[in-house]
Protein backbone atom coordinates (compact mmCIF):
# COMPACT_ATOMS: atom_id res chain seq x y z
CA MET A 1 151.80 -72.46 167.88
CA ALA A 2 149.24 -70.65 170.02
CA ALA A 3 145.80 -69.79 168.69
CA PRO A 4 145.32 -66.13 167.70
CA THR A 5 143.78 -64.00 170.41
CA PRO A 6 140.29 -62.78 169.57
CA THR A 7 139.06 -59.23 169.24
CA ILE A 8 135.55 -59.00 170.59
CA ALA A 9 133.71 -56.13 168.90
CA ASN A 10 130.51 -54.38 169.86
CA ARG A 11 129.16 -54.19 166.32
CA ARG A 12 125.87 -52.67 167.44
CA ALA A 13 127.59 -49.64 169.03
CA ARG A 14 128.46 -47.83 165.80
CA HIS A 15 124.93 -48.47 164.53
CA ASP A 16 123.21 -47.03 167.62
CA TYR A 17 125.69 -44.24 168.48
CA ALA A 18 127.64 -41.55 166.67
CA ILE A 19 131.09 -42.22 168.12
CA GLY A 20 133.35 -39.22 168.64
CA GLU A 21 136.56 -39.66 170.57
CA THR A 22 137.91 -43.10 171.55
CA PHE A 23 140.14 -44.13 174.46
CA GLU A 24 142.22 -47.26 175.02
CA CYS A 25 142.01 -48.41 178.63
CA GLY A 26 142.98 -51.37 180.72
CA ILE A 27 140.50 -53.40 182.73
CA VAL A 28 140.71 -55.01 186.17
CA LEU A 29 139.77 -58.69 185.90
CA ALA A 30 139.66 -61.48 188.46
CA GLY A 31 140.03 -65.25 188.44
CA GLY A 32 139.46 -67.04 185.17
CA GLU A 33 137.97 -64.03 183.36
CA VAL A 34 141.06 -63.56 181.19
CA LYS A 35 140.83 -67.16 179.99
CA SER A 36 137.12 -66.75 179.24
CA ILE A 37 137.91 -63.60 177.26
CA ARG A 38 140.69 -65.44 175.42
CA ASP A 39 138.07 -68.10 174.54
CA GLY A 40 135.83 -65.32 173.20
CA LYS A 41 133.06 -65.88 175.75
CA VAL A 42 132.17 -62.20 176.22
CA VAL A 43 129.08 -60.18 175.33
CA LEU A 44 129.58 -56.42 174.95
CA ARG A 45 126.20 -55.64 173.37
CA ASP A 46 124.50 -53.97 176.36
CA ALA A 47 127.64 -52.79 178.15
CA TYR A 48 128.27 -49.18 179.09
CA ALA A 49 130.74 -47.24 181.22
CA ARG A 50 130.20 -44.59 183.85
CA VAL A 51 132.49 -42.17 185.71
CA GLU A 52 131.95 -42.37 189.49
CA ASP A 53 134.06 -40.63 192.14
CA GLY A 54 137.02 -40.11 189.80
CA GLU A 55 137.02 -43.72 188.56
CA VAL A 56 135.60 -45.27 185.42
CA TRP A 57 133.50 -48.44 185.78
CA LEU A 58 132.25 -50.82 183.09
CA TYR A 59 128.75 -52.21 183.62
CA ALA A 60 126.75 -55.05 182.03
CA MET A 61 129.64 -56.72 180.21
CA HIS A 62 128.87 -60.44 180.41
CA VAL A 63 131.95 -62.67 180.82
CA SER A 64 130.95 -66.33 180.97
CA PRO A 65 132.54 -68.22 183.88
CA TYR A 66 135.64 -70.20 182.98
CA ALA A 67 134.91 -73.92 183.24
CA PHE A 68 138.05 -74.78 185.22
CA ALA A 69 138.10 -71.76 187.56
CA ARG A 70 138.13 -72.33 191.29
CA HIS A 71 135.81 -69.48 192.22
CA GLU A 72 132.50 -68.48 190.65
CA LEU A 73 132.23 -64.76 189.91
CA ASP A 74 129.16 -62.79 188.93
CA PRO A 75 129.31 -62.73 185.08
CA GLU A 76 127.90 -59.19 184.91
CA ARG A 77 129.65 -57.55 187.83
CA ARG A 78 131.04 -54.05 187.37
CA ARG A 79 134.69 -53.85 186.39
CA LYS A 80 137.10 -50.98 186.89
CA LEU A 81 138.68 -49.40 183.82
CA LEU A 82 142.23 -48.08 184.04
CA LEU A 83 142.86 -44.65 182.54
CA ASN A 84 145.16 -41.70 183.17
CA ARG A 85 143.81 -38.91 185.38
CA ARG A 86 143.74 -36.52 182.38
CA GLU A 87 141.63 -38.99 180.39
CA ILE A 88 139.22 -39.45 183.30
CA VAL A 89 138.76 -35.67 183.49
CA GLU A 90 138.06 -35.58 179.73
CA LEU A 91 135.49 -38.37 180.06
CA THR A 92 133.85 -36.63 183.03
CA GLN A 93 133.46 -33.42 181.03
CA ALA A 94 132.17 -35.31 177.98
CA THR A 95 129.53 -37.26 179.90
CA GLN A 96 128.16 -34.15 181.61
CA GLN A 97 126.63 -33.16 178.26
CA GLN A 98 123.08 -34.30 177.62
CA GLY A 99 122.75 -37.52 175.56
CA VAL A 100 126.41 -38.58 175.70
CA SER A 101 127.35 -42.11 176.79
CA LEU A 102 130.52 -44.14 177.20
CA ILE A 103 130.30 -47.29 175.11
CA PRO A 104 132.87 -50.11 174.93
CA LEU A 105 133.59 -50.64 171.23
CA LYS A 106 135.92 -53.61 171.40
CA LEU A 107 137.88 -55.83 173.74
CA TYR A 108 141.29 -57.08 172.63
CA PHE A 109 144.69 -58.28 173.82
CA LYS A 110 147.76 -56.06 173.63
CA ASP A 111 151.04 -57.36 175.01
CA ARG A 112 149.22 -60.13 176.91
CA ARG A 113 146.94 -57.60 178.62
CA VAL A 114 143.24 -57.12 178.00
CA LYS A 115 142.37 -53.66 176.67
CA VAL A 116 139.00 -51.99 176.11
CA GLU A 117 138.41 -49.39 173.39
CA LEU A 118 135.96 -46.96 174.95
CA GLY A 119 134.06 -44.53 172.74
CA VAL A 120 132.27 -41.32 173.62
CA GLY A 121 128.99 -41.67 171.77
CA ARG A 122 125.84 -39.69 171.22
CA GLY A 123 122.71 -41.73 170.56
CA LYS A 124 121.44 -41.75 166.98
CA LYS A 125 117.82 -41.19 166.08
CA SER A 126 116.08 -43.72 163.84
CA TYR A 127 116.26 -41.40 160.81
CA ASP A 128 120.04 -41.07 161.30
CA LYS A 129 120.32 -44.85 161.24
CA ARG A 130 118.28 -45.08 158.03
CA GLN A 131 120.41 -42.39 156.42
CA ALA A 132 123.63 -44.24 157.36
CA ILE A 133 122.24 -47.48 155.89
CA ALA A 134 121.24 -45.67 152.68
CA GLU A 135 124.71 -44.12 152.34
CA ARG A 136 126.37 -47.50 152.88
CA ASP A 137 124.12 -49.13 150.26
CA ALA A 138 124.81 -46.33 147.76
CA LYS A 139 128.57 -46.69 148.27
CA ARG A 140 128.29 -50.46 147.82
CA GLU A 141 126.37 -50.00 144.55
CA THR A 142 128.91 -47.51 143.16
CA ASP A 143 131.78 -49.83 144.10
CA ARG A 144 129.99 -52.71 142.35
CA ALA A 145 129.40 -50.60 139.26
CA LEU A 146 133.07 -49.50 139.15
CA LYS A 147 134.26 -53.07 139.59
CA GLU A 148 131.90 -54.23 136.79
CA SER A 149 133.09 -51.47 134.43
CA ARG A 150 136.74 -52.51 134.90
CA ARG A 151 136.05 -56.01 133.59
């Protein structure tokens, strides 16, 4: 039986950005990159996407070279994202607003193809981050108290 395929998540993205709309898109890969992704050797932390000349490109996603690949590729080269024309127009309009970025949220396999979940995010201020942490802690405490009262 084959090993389960990993989902590589950018856990920092939802902490640093308020994510609005999300898009599922394909990605153009070369050589042994798919096998490296299947091994989970990907870093999405600093990655971002940009719309250029009617195409969407993913920057700064580090894919470690596959050990048995014939050709060495630049681990942080830009990679083309595959979206419908309508979705590209939506992303173009969204990114024209001040402070809006395209952030890859996760990388996963769907029907043997690598997909990227791309989120339209607006950067959070430090006080927004503290407020989100406080809300999460308060919810955790109430859940604990409810669980304790049921015993």
